[in-house]
C-alpha atoms as a PDB file:
ATOM      1  CA  MET A   1       0.076   0.019   0.129  1.00  0.00           C
ATOM      2  CA  THR A   2       1.773   3.362  -1.124  1.00  0.00           C
ATOM      3  CA  ARG A   3       1.411   6.070   1.711  1.00  0.00           C
ATOM      4  CA  HIS A   4       1.247   9.102   0.265  1.00  0.00           C
ATOM      5  CA  ILE A   5       2.637  12.064   2.627  1.00  0.00           C
ATOM      6  CA  SER A   6       1.114  15.499   3.527  1.00  0.00           C
ATOM      7  CA  ARG A   7       3.331  18.301   2.615  1.00  0.00           C
ATOM      8  CA  PRO A   8       2.543  22.136   3.580  1.00  0.00           C
ATOM      9  CA  ALA A   9       2.495  24.227   0.048  1.00  0.00           C
ATOM     10  CA  GLU A  10       5.692  25.429  -1.425  1.00  0.00           C
ATOM     11  CA  ARG A  11       6.861  28.660  -0.163  1.00  0.00           C
ATOM     12  CA  VAL A  12       9.405  29.669  -2.698  1.00  0.00           C
ATOM     13  CA  VAL A  13       9.390  33.386  -4.198  1.00  0.00           C
ATOM     14  CA  THR A  14      11.098  34.294  -7.593  1.00  0.00           C
ATOM     15  CA  THR A  15      11.929  38.235  -6.996  1.00  0.00           C
ATOM     16  CA  CYS A  16      12.801  40.110  -3.783  1.00  0.00           C
ATOM     17  CA  SER A  17      10.126  42.474  -3.673  1.00  0.00           C
ATOM     18  CA  GLU A  18       7.402  39.409  -3.216  1.00  0.00           C
ATOM     19  CA  LEU A  19       9.666  39.681   0.550  1.00  0.00           C
ATOM     20  CA  ILE A  20       8.526  42.874   0.961  1.00  0.00           C
ATOM     21  CA  GLY A  21       5.761  43.153   4.342  1.00  0.00           C
ATOM     22  CA  ASP A  22       4.757  40.395   6.954  1.00  0.00           C
ATOM     23  CA  THR A  23       7.664  42.348   8.752  1.00  0.00           C
ATOM     24  CA  PRO A  24       7.209  40.949  12.832  1.00  0.00           C
ATOM     25  CA  LEU A  25       6.437  42.739  16.487  1.00  0.00           C
ATOM     26  CA  LEU A  26       8.860  42.614  18.772  1.00  0.00           C
ATOM     27  CA  GLU A  27       7.294  43.482  22.524  1.00  0.00           C
ATOM     28  CA  LEU A  28      10.492  45.653  24.025  1.00  0.00           C
ATOM     29  CA  ALA A  29       8.461  46.616  27.292  1.00  0.00           C
ATOM     30  CA  ARG A  30       5.457  46.058  29.340  1.00  0.00           C
ATOM     31  CA  THR A  31       4.565  48.081  32.715  1.00  0.00           C
ATOM     32  CA  GLY A  32       2.606  46.219  35.483  1.00  0.00           C
ATOM     33  CA  SER A  33      -0.674  48.141  34.771  1.00  0.00           C
ATOM     34  CA  GLY A  34      -0.885  46.103  31.469  1.00  0.00           C
ATOM     35  CA  SER A  35       0.628  48.647  28.803  1.00  0.00           C
ATOM     36  CA  ARG A  36       2.944  47.454  26.421  1.00  0.00           C
ATOM     37  CA  LEU A  37       5.777  48.728  23.962  1.00  0.00           C
ATOM     38  CA  LEU A  38       6.169  46.931  20.578  1.00  0.00           C
ATOM     39  CA  LEU A  39       8.269  47.555  17.599  1.00  0.00           C
ATOM     40  CA  LYS A  40       7.063  47.264  13.921  1.00  0.00           C
ATOM     41  CA  LEU A  41      11.105  45.685  12.767  1.00  0.00           C
ATOM     42  CA  GLU A  42      10.805  46.908   9.049  1.00  0.00           C
ATOM     43  CA  GLN A  43      14.655  46.016   8.453  1.00  0.00           C
ATOM     44  CA  PHE A  44      13.062  42.418   7.788  1.00  0.00           C
ATOM     45  CA  ASN A  45      12.154  43.746   4.793  1.00  0.00           C
ATOM     46  CA  PRO A  46      14.415  43.674   1.515  1.00  0.00           C
ATOM     47  CA  THR A  47      17.408  46.426   1.676  1.00  0.00           C
ATOM     48  CA  GLY A  48      16.385  46.372   5.592  1.00  0.00           C
ATOM     49  CA  THR A  49      13.911  49.344   5.357  1.00  0.00           C
ATOM     50  CA  CYS A  50      10.334  49.995   5.298  1.00  0.00           C
ATOM     51  CA  LYS A  51      11.015  52.606   2.293  1.00  0.00           C
ATOM     52  CA  VAL A  52      11.526  49.915  -0.165  1.00  0.00           C
ATOM     53  CA  ARG A  53       7.292  49.764   0.126  1.00  0.00           C
ATOM     54  CA  MET A  54       6.744  53.057  -1.123  1.00  0.00           C
ATOM     55  CA  ALA A  55       9.660  52.838  -3.780  1.00  0.00           C
ATOM     56  CA  ARG A  56       7.690  49.571  -5.365  1.00  0.00           C
ATOM     57  CA  GLU A  57       4.563  51.590  -4.963  1.00  0.00           C
ATOM     58  CA  MET A  58       5.709  55.024  -6.671  1.00  0.00           C
ATOM     59  CA  ILE A  59       7.462  53.260  -9.589  1.00  0.00           C
ATOM     60  CA  LEU A  60       4.045  50.762  -9.978  1.00  0.00           C
ATOM     61  CA  ALA A  61       2.292  53.831 -10.386  1.00  0.00           C
ATOM     62  CA  ALA A  62       4.721  55.496 -12.642  1.00  0.00           C
ATOM     63  CA  GLU A  63       4.067  52.442 -14.759  1.00  0.00           C
ATOM     64  CA  ARG A  64       0.367  52.606 -14.738  1.00  0.00           C
ATOM     65  CA  ASP A  65       0.171  56.256 -15.654  1.00  0.00           C
ATOM     66  CA  GLY A  66       3.087  56.365 -18.307  1.00  0.00           C
ATOM     67  CA  LYS A  67       5.572  58.463 -16.870  1.00  0.00           C
ATOM     68  CA  LEU A  68       7.762  55.643 -16.919  1.00  0.00           C
ATOM     69  CA  LYS A  69       8.841  53.773 -19.750  1.00  0.00           C
ATOM     70  CA  PRO A  70      10.919  50.066 -20.305  1.00  0.00           C
ATOM     71  CA  GLY A  71      14.199  50.400 -20.222  1.00  0.00           C
ATOM     72  CA  GLY A  72      14.094  54.207 -18.643  1.00  0.00           C
ATOM     73  CA  ARG A  73      15.696  56.384 -16.062  1.00  0.00           C
ATOM     74  CA  ILE A  74      14.746  56.972 -12.777  1.00  0.00           C
ATOM     75  CA  VAL A  75      16.253  59.902 -10.861  1.00  0.00           C
ATOM     76  CA  GLU A  76      15.957  60.783  -7.013  1.00  0.00           C
ATOM     77  CA  PRO A  77      17.325  62.663  -4.353  1.00  0.00           C
ATOM     78  CA  THR A  78      18.123  59.968  -1.276  1.00  0.00           C
ATOM     79  CA  SER A  79      19.680  59.854   2.099  1.00  0.00           C
ATOM     80  CA  GLY A  80      19.968  55.770   0.997  1.00  0.00           C
ATOM     81  CA  ASN A  81      17.054  53.970   2.680  1.00  0.00           C
ATOM     82  CA  THR A  82      14.690  55.690  -0.275  1.00  0.00           C
ATOM     83  CA  GLY A  83      17.502  54.843  -2.722  1.00  0.00           C
ATOM     84  CA  THR A  84      18.083  51.177  -2.016  1.00  0.00           C
ATOM     85  CA  GLY A  85      14.193  50.755  -2.354  1.00  0.00           C
ATOM     86  CA  LEU A  86      14.160  52.261  -5.786  1.00  0.00           C
ATOM     87  CA  ALA A  87      17.581  50.419  -6.688  1.00  0.00           C
ATOM     88  CA  LEU A  88      15.662  46.987  -6.284  1.00  0.00           C
ATOM     89  CA  ALA A  89      12.906  48.040  -8.139  1.00  0.00           C
ATOM     90  CA  ALA A  90      15.229  49.167 -11.016  1.00  0.00           C
ATOM     91  CA  VAL A  91      16.998  45.821 -10.823  1.00  0.00           C
ATOM     92  CA  GLU A  92      13.973  43.894 -11.382  1.00  0.00           C
ATOM     93  CA  ARG A  93      12.229  46.289 -13.763  1.00  0.00           C
ATOM     94  CA  GLY A  94      14.890  46.463 -15.904  1.00  0.00           C
ATOM     95  CA  TYR A  95      15.477  50.891 -15.450  1.00  0.00           C
ATOM     96  CA  LYS A  96      18.649  52.473 -14.657  1.00  0.00           C
ATOM     97  CA  PHE A  97      18.683  54.536 -11.825  1.00  0.00           C
ATOM     98  CA  THR A  98      20.716  58.275 -10.626  1.00  0.00           C
ATOM     99  CA  ALA A  99      20.838  58.822  -6.850  1.00  0.00           C
ATOM    100  CA  ILE A 100      21.662  62.255  -5.842  1.00  0.00           C
ATOM    101  CA  VAL A 101      23.293  61.953  -2.844  1.00  0.00           C
ATOM    102  CA  ASP A 102      25.905  63.890  -0.281  1.00  0.00           C
ATOM    103  CA  ASN A 103      28.266  62.585   2.740  1.00  0.00           C
ATOM    104  CA  HIS A 104      25.809  62.791   5.284  1.00  0.00           C
ATOM    105  CA  ALA A 105      24.350  59.593   4.347  1.00  0.00           C
ATOM    106  CA  SER A 106      25.667  56.387   5.828  1.00  0.00           C
ATOM    107  CA  ARG A 107      28.393  55.112   4.099  1.00  0.00           C
ATOM    108  CA  ASP A 108      26.794  51.214   4.187  1.00  0.00           C
ATOM    109  CA  LYS A 109      23.772  52.967   2.395  1.00  0.00           C
ATOM    110  CA  LEU A 110      26.064  54.153  -0.392  1.00  0.00           C
ATOM    111  CA  ARG A 111      27.552  51.064  -0.820  1.00  0.00           C
ATOM    112  CA  ALA A 112      24.250  48.995  -0.944  1.00  0.00           C
ATOM    113  CA  MET A 113      23.224  51.416  -3.774  1.00  0.00           C
ATOM    114  CA  GLN A 114      26.488  51.089  -5.790  1.00  0.00           C
ATOM    115  CA  ALA A 115      26.469  47.689  -5.498  1.00  0.00           C
ATOM    116  CA  MET A 116      23.217  47.588  -6.900  1.00  0.00           C
ATOM    117  CA  GLY A 117      24.421  49.253  -9.819  1.00  0.00           C
ATOM    118  CA  VAL A 118      23.018  52.809  -8.881  1.00  0.00           C
ATOM    119  CA  ASP A 119      25.346  55.536 -10.170  1.00  0.00           C
ATOM    120  CA  LEU A 120      25.545  58.115  -7.243  1.00  0.00           C
ATOM    121  CA  VAL A 121      25.856  61.956  -8.244  1.00  0.00           C
ATOM    122  CA  PHE A 122      27.024  63.865  -4.931  1.00  0.00           C
ATOM    123  CA  ALA A 123      25.845  67.064  -3.540  1.00  0.00           C
ATOM    124  CA  GLU A 124      28.249  69.299  -1.823  1.00  0.00           C
ATOM    125  CA  SER A 125      27.372  69.511   1.911  1.00  0.00           C
ATOM    126  CA  LYS A 126      27.420  72.683   3.642  1.00  0.00           C
ATOM    127  CA  GLY A 127      29.084  71.885   7.007  1.00  0.00           C
ATOM    128  CA  ASP A 128      27.420  68.644   8.524  1.00  0.00           C
ATOM    129  CA  SER A 129      23.932  69.436   7.674  1.00  0.00           C
ATOM    130  CA  PRO A 130      22.105  67.346   4.911  1.00  0.00           C
ATOM    131  CA  SER A 131      22.185  68.911   1.356  1.00  0.00           C
ATOM    132  CA  THR A 132      18.587  68.465   0.561  1.00  0.00           C
ATOM    133  CA  VAL A 133      17.922  71.274  -0.875  1.00  0.00           C
ATOM    134  CA  GLU A 134      20.996  71.020  -3.436  1.00  0.00           C
ATOM    135  CA  ARG A 135      20.274  67.670  -3.870  1.00  0.00           C
ATOM    136  CA  ARG A 136      16.880  68.432  -5.173  1.00  0.00           C
ATOM    137  CA  ARG A 137      18.054  71.050  -7.542  1.00  0.00           C
ATOM    138  CA  ILE A 138      20.589  68.469  -9.115  1.00  0.00           C
ATOM    139  CA  ALA A 139      17.672  65.992  -9.533  1.00  0.00           C
ATOM    140  CA  GLY A 140      15.431  68.517 -11.264  1.00  0.00           C
ATOM    141  CA  GLU A 141      17.979  69.465 -13.565  1.00  0.00           C
ATOM    142  CA  ILE A 142      18.995  65.647 -14.598  1.00  0.00           C
ATOM    143  CA  ALA A 143      14.981  65.092 -14.950  1.00  0.00           C
ATOM    144  CA  ALA A 144      15.090  68.195 -17.319  1.00  0.00           C
ATOM    145  CA  GLU A 145      17.924  67.444 -19.272  1.00  0.00           C
ATOM    146  CA  THR A 146      17.519  63.844 -19.853  1.00  0.00           C
ATOM    147  CA  GLY A 147      14.065  63.116 -19.254  1.00  0.00           C
ATOM    148  CA  ALA A 148      14.208  60.565 -16.138  1.00  0.00           C
ATOM    149  CA  PHE A 149      11.353  60.091 -14.082  1.00  0.00           C
ATOM    150  CA  TRP A 150      12.057  61.600 -11.044  1.00  0.00           C
ATOM    151  CA  PRO A 151       9.180  60.145  -8.060  1.00  0.00           C
ATOM    152  CA  ASP A 152       9.927  63.542  -5.850  1.00  0.00           C
ATOM    153  CA  GLN A 153       9.142  61.261  -2.697  1.00  0.00           C
ATOM    154  CA  HIS A 154       8.329  64.437  -0.571  1.00  0.00           C
ATOM    155  CA  TYR A 155       5.324  65.193  -3.051  1.00  0.00           C
ATOM    156  CA  ASN A 156       4.700  61.869  -4.588  1.00  0.00           C
ATOM    157  CA  PRO A 157       1.347  60.688  -3.038  1.00  0.00           C
ATOM    158  CA  ASN A 158       1.932  57.062  -3.929  1.00  0.00           C
ATOM    159  CA  ASN A 159       4.809  57.299  -0.812  1.00  0.00           C
ATOM    160  CA  ASN A 160       2.114  57.624   1.422  1.00  0.00           C
ATOM    161  CA  ASN A 161      -0.055  55.291  -0.747  1.00  0.00           C
ATOM    162  CA  GLY A 162       3.018  52.683   0.027  1.00  0.00           C
ATOM    163  CA  TYR A 163       2.167  51.953   3.780  1.00  0.00           C
ATOM    164  CA  VAL A 164      -1.360  50.697   3.359  1.00  0.00           C
ATOM    165  CA  GLY A 165       0.190  46.870   3.971  1.00  0.00           C
ATOM    166  CA  LEU A 166       1.508  48.036   7.084  1.00  0.00           C
ATOM    167  CA  ALA A 167      -1.440  49.448   8.725  1.00  0.00           C
ATOM    168  CA  ALA A 168      -3.375  46.094   7.962  1.00  0.00           C
ATOM    169  CA  GLU A 169      -0.417  43.967   9.201  1.00  0.00           C
ATOM    170  CA  LEU A 170      -0.529  46.187  12.478  1.00  0.00           C
ATOM    171  CA  LEU A 171      -4.125  45.375  13.186  1.00  0.00           C
ATOM    172  CA  ARG A 172      -3.914  41.635  12.029  1.00  0.00           C
ATOM    173  CA  ASP A 173      -0.959  40.776  14.179  1.00  0.00           C
ATOM    174  CA  ILE A 174      -1.602  42.923  17.264  1.00  0.00           C
ATOM    175  CA  GLY A 175      -5.380  41.413  17.004  1.00  0.00           C
ATOM    176  CA  THR A 176      -6.751  44.674  18.963  1.00  0.00           C
ATOM    177  CA  ASP A 177      -6.568  48.605  18.302  1.00  0.00           C
ATOM    178  CA  VAL A 178      -3.166  50.176  17.878  1.00  0.00           C
ATOM    179  CA  ASP A 179      -3.763  53.043  20.779  1.00  0.00           C
ATOM    180  CA  TYR A 180      -0.603  54.961  20.061  1.00  0.00           C
ATOM    181  CA  LEU A 181       1.661  54.744  17.047  1.00  0.00           C
ATOM    182  CA  VAL A 182       5.276  56.660  17.354  1.00  0.00           C
ATOM    183  CA  GLY A 183       7.171  57.153  14.197  1.00  0.00           C
ATOM    184  CA  ALA A 184      10.130  59.798  12.684  1.00  0.00           C
ATOM    185  CA  VAL A 185       8.927  62.281  10.059  1.00  0.00           C
ATOM    186  CA  GLY A 186      11.296  62.961   7.083  1.00  0.00           C
ATOM    187  CA  THR A 187       8.864  62.861   3.929  1.00  0.00           C
ATOM    188  CA  GLY A 188       6.104  62.217   6.142  1.00  0.00           C
ATOM    189  CA  GLY A 189       5.030  59.118   4.112  1.00  0.00           C
ATOM    190  CA  THR A 190       5.533  56.210   6.777  1.00  0.00           C
ATOM    191  CA  LEU A 191       3.828  57.994   9.364  1.00  0.00           C
ATOM    192  CA  CYS A 192       0.976  59.368   7.614  1.00  0.00           C
ATOM    193  CA  GLY A 193       0.533  56.812   5.549  1.00  0.00           C
ATOM    194  CA  THR A 194       0.315  54.313   7.943  1.00  0.00           C
ATOM    195  CA  VAL A 195      -2.052  56.572   9.796  1.00  0.00           C
ATOM    196  CA  ARG A 196      -4.440  56.960   7.920  1.00  0.00           C
ATOM    197  CA  GLU A 197      -5.030  53.505   6.260  1.00  0.00           C
ATOM    198  CA  LEU A 198      -5.138  52.730  10.313  1.00  0.00           C
ATOM    199  CA  ARG A 199      -8.327  55.194  10.635  1.00  0.00           C
ATOM    200  CA  ARG A 200      -9.660  54.429   7.535  1.00  0.00           C
ATOM    201  CA  LEU A 201     -10.057  50.408   8.686  1.00  0.00           C
ATOM    202  CA  GLY A 202     -11.904  51.799  11.871  1.00  0.00           C
ATOM    203  CA  SER A 203      -8.776  52.321  14.048  1.00  0.00           C
ATOM    204  CA  GLN A 204      -8.618  55.358  16.770  1.00  0.00           C
ATOM    205  CA  VAL A 205      -5.000  55.274  16.955  1.00  0.00           C
ATOM    206  CA  THR A 206      -3.416  58.582  18.278  1.00  0.00           C
ATOM    207  CA  SER A 207      -0.313  59.184  16.357  1.00  0.00           C
ATOM    208  CA  ILE A 208       3.318  60.901  17.699  1.00  0.00           C
ATOM    209  CA  GLY A 209       5.274  62.392  15.126  1.00  0.00           C
ATOM    210  CA  VAL A 210       9.406  62.405  15.494  1.00  0.00           C
ATOM    211  CA  GLU A 211      11.765  64.869  14.156  1.00  0.00           C
ATOM    212  CA  PRO A 212      15.492  65.313  14.845  1.00  0.00           C
ATOM    213  CA  THR A 213      15.949  68.640  17.569  1.00  0.00           C
ATOM    214  CA  GLY A 214      17.416  71.050  14.494  1.00  0.00           C
ATOM    215  CA  SER A 215      14.757  70.068  11.643  1.00  0.00           C
ATOM    216  CA  ILE A 216      11.926  72.652  10.668  1.00  0.00           C
ATOM    217  CA  ILE A 217       8.811  70.156  10.391  1.00  0.00           C
ATOM    218  CA  PHE A 218       6.905  71.115  13.230  1.00  0.00           C
ATOM    219  CA  GLY A 219       8.069  74.753  13.199  1.00  0.00           C
ATOM    220  CA  GLY A 220      11.779  74.354  15.240  1.00  0.00           C
ATOM    221  CA  LYS A 221      14.806  76.459  14.908  1.00  0.00           C
ATOM    222  CA  PRO A 222      17.332  75.082  12.327  1.00  0.00           C
ATOM    223  CA  GLY A 223      20.262  73.763  13.243  1.00  0.00           C
ATOM    224  CA  LYS A 224      22.719  70.954  12.814  1.00  0.00           C
ATOM    225  CA  TYR A 225      21.624  67.296  13.279  1.00  0.00           C
ATOM    226  CA  TRP A 226      22.767  63.779  12.685  1.00  0.00           C
ATOM    227  CA  GLN A 227      19.880  61.677  12.361  1.00  0.00           C
ATOM    228  CA  SER A 228      19.957  60.706   9.040  1.00  0.00           C
ATOM    229  CA  GLY A 229      16.524  60.079   7.255  1.00  0.00           C
ATOM    230  CA  ALA A 230      14.341  62.408   9.200  1.00  0.00           C
ATOM    231  CA  GLY A 231      13.328  65.563   9.221  1.00  0.00           C
ATOM    232  CA  ALA A 232      14.365  68.660   7.310  1.00  0.00           C
ATOM    233  CA  PRO A 233      16.937  71.152   6.964  1.00  0.00           C
ATOM    234  CA  GLY A 234      16.411  75.298   7.132  1.00  0.00           C
ATOM    235  CA  GLY A 235      15.616  76.468   3.949  1.00  0.00           C
ATOM    236  CA  PHE A 236      14.047  73.190   2.928  1.00  0.00           C
ATOM    237  CA  THR A 237      10.213  73.393   2.140  1.00  0.00           C
ATOM    238  CA  VAL A 238       8.370  70.701   4.135  1.00  0.00           C
ATOM    239  CA  GLY A 239       6.026  68.610   1.488  1.00  0.00           C
ATOM    240  CA  PRO A 240       2.231  67.426   1.346  1.00  0.00           C
ATOM    241  CA  ASN A 241       2.940  63.928   2.246  1.00  0.00           C
ATOM    242  CA  VAL A 242       3.415  65.455   5.624  1.00  0.00           C
ATOM    243  CA  ASP A 243      -0.165  65.794   6.343  1.00  0.00           C
ATOM    244  CA  HIS A 244      -0.245  67.430  10.145  1.00  0.00           C
ATOM    245  CA  SER A 245      -4.041  67.049  10.476  1.00  0.00           C
ATOM    246  CA  LEU A 246      -2.758  63.036  10.915  1.00  0.00           C
ATOM    247  CA  ILE A 247      -0.390  63.692  13.727  1.00  0.00           C
ATOM    248  CA  ASP A 248      -1.627  64.583  16.979  1.00  0.00           C
ATOM    249  CA  GLU A 249       1.421  65.431  18.718  1.00  0.00           C
ATOM    250  CA  GLY A 250       5.030  66.431  16.798  1.00  0.00           C
ATOM    251  CA  LEU A 251       8.340  66.125  19.108  1.00  0.00           C
ATOM    252  CA  THR A 252      11.903  66.500  18.685  1.00  0.00           C
ATOM    253  CA  VAL A 253      14.325  64.243  20.047  1.00  0.00           C
ATOM    254  CA  ASP A 254      18.162  65.119  20.212  1.00  0.00           C
ATOM    255  CA  ASP A 255      20.939  63.276  18.487  1.00  0.00           C
ATOM    256  CA  ILE A 256      22.314  62.201  21.876  1.00  0.00           C
ATOM    257  CA  ASP A 257      19.020  60.686  23.486  1.00  0.00           C
ATOM    258  CA  ALA A 258      18.049  58.701  19.855  1.00  0.00           C
ATOM    259  CA  PHE A 259      21.256  57.405  19.417  1.00  0.00           C
ATOM    260  CA  THR A 260      21.671  56.177  23.169  1.00  0.00           C
ATOM    261  CA  ALA A 261      18.087  54.928  22.920  1.00  0.00           C
ATOM    262  CA  ALA A 262      19.052  52.510  19.879  1.00  0.00           C
ATOM    263  CA  ARG A 263      22.145  51.617  21.644  1.00  0.00           C
ATOM    264  CA  VAL A 264      20.623  50.442  24.710  1.00  0.00           C
ATOM    265  CA  VAL A 265      17.962  48.660  22.274  1.00  0.00           C
ATOM    266  CA  ALA A 266      20.922  46.568  21.132  1.00  0.00           C
ATOM    267  CA  ARG A 267      22.709  45.701  24.844  1.00  0.00           C
ATOM    268  CA  ARG A 268      19.161  44.924  26.180  1.00  0.00           C
ATOM    269  CA  THR A 269      17.561  42.592  23.124  1.00  0.00           C
ATOM    270  CA  GLY A 270      20.736  41.941  20.467  1.00  0.00           C
ATOM    271  CA  MET A 271      18.429  43.974  18.099  1.00  0.00           C
ATOM    272  CA  LEU A 272      20.065  46.503  16.286  1.00  0.00           C
ATOM    273  CA  VAL A 273      18.035  49.466  14.780  1.00  0.00           C
ATOM    274  CA  GLY A 274      18.938  53.040  13.166  1.00  0.00           C
ATOM    275  CA  GLY A 275      18.769  55.923  14.234  1.00  0.00           C
ATOM    276  CA  THR A 276      15.650  57.722  13.767  1.00  0.00           C
ATOM    277  CA  ALA A 277      14.097  54.404  15.384  1.00  0.00           C
ATOM    278  CA  GLY A 278      16.375  55.262  18.502  1.00  0.00           C
ATOM    279  CA  ALA A 279      14.614  58.820  18.324  1.00  0.00           C
ATOM    280  CA  GLY A 280      11.139  57.056  18.870  1.00  0.00           C
ATOM    281  CA  ILE A 281      11.635  54.611  20.984  1.00  0.00           C
ATOM    282  CA  HIS A 282      12.970  57.444  23.563  1.00  0.00           C
ATOM    283  CA  VAL A 283       9.870  58.990  23.025  1.00  0.00           C
ATOM    284  CA  ALA A 284       7.516  55.862  23.399  1.00  0.00           C
ATOM    285  CA  LEU A 285       9.803  54.491  26.540  1.00  0.00           C
ATOM    286  CA  LYS A 286       8.997  58.173  28.368  1.00  0.00           C
ATOM    287  CA  ARG A 287       5.401  58.299  27.506  1.00  0.00           C
ATOM    288  CA  LEU A 288       4.912  54.488  28.477  1.00  0.00           C
ATOM    289  CA  ALA A 289       4.179  55.013  31.823  1.00  0.00           C
ATOM    290  CA  LEU A 290       1.488  57.621  31.677  1.00  0.00           C
ATOM    291  CA  VAL A 291      -0.562  56.249  28.905  1.00  0.00           C
ATOM    292  CA  GLU A 292      -3.859  54.174  30.022  1.00  0.00           C
ATOM    293  CA  PRO A 293      -3.569  50.812  31.688  1.00  0.00           C
ATOM    294  CA  ASN A 294      -3.571  48.065  29.031  1.00  0.00           C
ATOM    295  CA  SER A 295      -2.459  50.468  26.005  1.00  0.00           C
ATOM    296  CA  THR A 296      -0.286  49.304  22.766  1.00  0.00           C
ATOM    297  CA  MET A 297       1.935  51.201  22.021  1.00  0.00           C
ATOM    298  CA  VAL A 298       3.916  50.704  18.430  1.00  0.00           C
ATOM    299  CA  VAL A 299       7.454  52.188  17.438  1.00  0.00           C
ATOM    300  CA  LEU A 300       7.706  51.807  13.576  1.00  0.00           C
ATOM    301  CA  VAL A 301      11.417  50.915  12.913  1.00  0.00           C
ATOM    302  CA  CYS A 302      12.275  52.046   9.873  1.00  0.00           C
ATOM    303  CA  ASP A 303      15.751  50.426   9.292  1.00  0.00           C
ATOM    304  CA  ALA A 304      18.491  48.196  10.331  1.00  0.00           C
ATOM    305  CA  GLY A 305      21.221  49.631  12.702  1.00  0.00           C
ATOM    306  CA  GLU A 306      23.908  47.156  10.687  1.00  0.00           C
ATOM    307  CA  LYS A 307      23.996  50.152   8.512  1.00  0.00           C
ATOM    308  CA  TYR A 308      25.222  52.582  11.134  1.00  0.00           C
ATOM    309  CA  LEU A 309      28.077  50.299  12.999  1.00  0.00           C
ATOM    310  CA  ASP A 310      30.562  53.180  11.780  1.00  0.00           C
ATOM    311  CA  THR A 311      28.733  56.168  13.517  1.00  0.00           C
ATOM    312  CA  ILE A 312      25.916  55.864  15.932  1.00  0.00           C
ATOM    313  CA  TYR A 313      27.712  52.610  17.104  1.00  0.00           C
ATOM    314  CA  ASP A 314      30.958  53.516  17.032  1.00  0.00           C
ATOM    315  CA  ASP A 315      32.247  55.040  20.277  1.00  0.00           C
ATOM    316  CA  ASP A 316      35.070  56.813  18.688  1.00  0.00           C
ATOM    317  CA  TRP A 317      32.650  58.772  16.129  1.00  0.00           C
ATOM    318  CA  LEU A 318      30.551  59.558  18.800  1.00  0.00           C
ATOM    319  CA  ARG A 319      33.113  61.334  21.333  1.00  0.00           C
ATOM    320  CA  GLU A 320      34.225  63.321  18.523  1.00  0.00           C
ATOM    321  CA  ARG A 321      31.137  64.734  17.727  1.00  0.00           C
ATOM    322  CA  HIS A 322      30.297  65.217  21.662  1.00  0.00           C
ATOM    323  CA  LEU A 323      27.460  62.682  21.242  1.00  0.00           C
ATOM    324  CA  LEU A 324      28.195  59.700  23.899  1.00  0.00           C
ATOM    325  CA  ASP A 325      26.684  59.974  27.073  1.00  0.00           C
ATOM    326  CA  GLU A 326      27.333  57.396  29.647  1.00  0.00           C
ATOM    327  CA  ILE A 327      24.909  59.117  31.781  1.00  0.00           C
ATOM    328  CA  ALA A 328      22.274  59.010  29.332  1.00  0.00           C
ATOM    329  CA  HIS A 329      22.575  55.486  28.730  1.00  0.00           C
ATOM    330  CA  ARG A 330      22.497  54.227  32.544  1.00  0.00           C
ATOM    331  CA  ARG A 331      19.110  56.238  32.787  1.00  0.00           C
ATOM    332  CA  LEU A 332      17.757  54.507  30.392  1.00  0.00           C
ATOM    333  CA  HIS A 333      18.938  51.260  31.529  1.00  0.00           C
ATOM    334  CA  ARG A 334      16.854  51.880  34.728  1.00  0.00           C
ATOM    335  CA  LEU A 335      13.953  52.667  33.081  1.00  0.00           C
ATOM    336  CA  PHE A 336      13.882  49.512  31.485  1.00  0.00           C
ATOM    337  CA  ASP A 337      14.568  48.008  34.992  1.00  0.00           C
ATOM    338  CA  ALA A 338      11.747  50.048  36.238  1.00  0.00           C
ATOM    339  CA  TYR A 339       9.104  48.653  33.911  1.00  0.00           C
ATOM    340  CA  ARG A 340      10.271  45.311  34.761  1.00  0.00           C
ATOM    341  CA  GLU A 341      10.029  45.875  38.594  1.00  0.00           C
ATOM    342  CA  SER A 342       6.611  47.073  37.947  1.00  0.00           C
ATOM    343  CA  ILE A 343       5.432  43.751  36.685  1.00  0.00           C
ATOM    344  CA  TYR A 344       6.734  42.037  39.549  1.00  0.00           C
ATOM    345  CA  LEU A 345       4.936  44.344  42.011  1.00  0.00           C
ATOM    346  CA  ALA A 346       1.784  44.463  40.260  1.00  0.00           C
ATOM    347  CA  SER A 347       1.768  40.642  39.976  1.00  0.00           C
ATOM    348  CA  ARG A 348       2.664  40.668  43.733  1.00  0.00           C
ATOM    349  CA  THR A 349      -0.282  42.987  44.527  1.00  0.00           C
ATOM    350  CA  LEU A 350      -2.557  40.780  42.665  1.00  0.00           C
ATOM    351  CA  ALA A 351      -1.198  37.454  44.344  1.00  0.00           C
ATOM    352  CA  GLY A 352      -1.641  39.787  47.682  1.00  0.00           C
ATOM    353  CA  VAL A 353      -5.865  40.258  46.716  1.00  0.00           C
ATOM    354  CA  GLY A 354      -6.255  36.950  45.552  1.00  0.00           C
ATOM    355  CA  ALA A 355      -4.826  35.193  49.186  1.00  0.00           C
END
């Protein structure tokens, strides 16, 4: 008699873009009142960032609209994560891609784009600030002279549309509502696109946008900052993808607090996250003790920390810029310990009541 062995359906994809989405959630902290802080780990996407979601959506929309022809060229100013997402789309769909970058970007992001065949054009940086305005000027010139398609992530509505799936994943995987969503704001697409879709699906989420101190998105005084991929420098016109009606609260976080949070998370979990994620985690950890009992707070972790091993995870790099603060590290470790202690005390209290 022949035995038929039941086997699960094959799970093999043929393109990297099929791996986009379905990223995991990690519980980072919990309180005695039942509230929890979850990290949406977007570094598990291809290219190690959430930006691959919106890069794909912008390219697919351009194809549908006839703005991008077979064998065409894409040009985009980028600090790196959008660039790697566009690079993936270009590889798979047969386009050439020119990225306008500067030396403010992570060197590993630049190397990754080069490894994928991207032409890098460097804009001149003024001091230690990102050259956002200059990068846009160069991209506009190249698009006008060559006919290349410029997605223009700050103004392209398909940036925000790229996060429809992320919102659905959150509600599916958490099994309840997202009470608070914390995310870094740069182009605005990640946070605003996710919040818009969450609310369309019936969520009552409260959104908290985070930008670097020195960024002007929420009206602050312009200044120097090292958080790559978030914020906007002085002189930059913030695009409509930053929809303030979808951001309930806008906060600034300085580089020391952002990088400290990322480094402490690495020491306590073994998970390396980027600096803008560190800023969101800093805000969320401070807020977690103040929210209603049994709340679920989620931080959007936009990219992986392995891209920043020679910067925010390098003590010498931090010391050179006066960004290494051991007291801040110890303070944040104590906060984690306090949350853990609050769970123990709550369980003791319940045990006492039960007795």
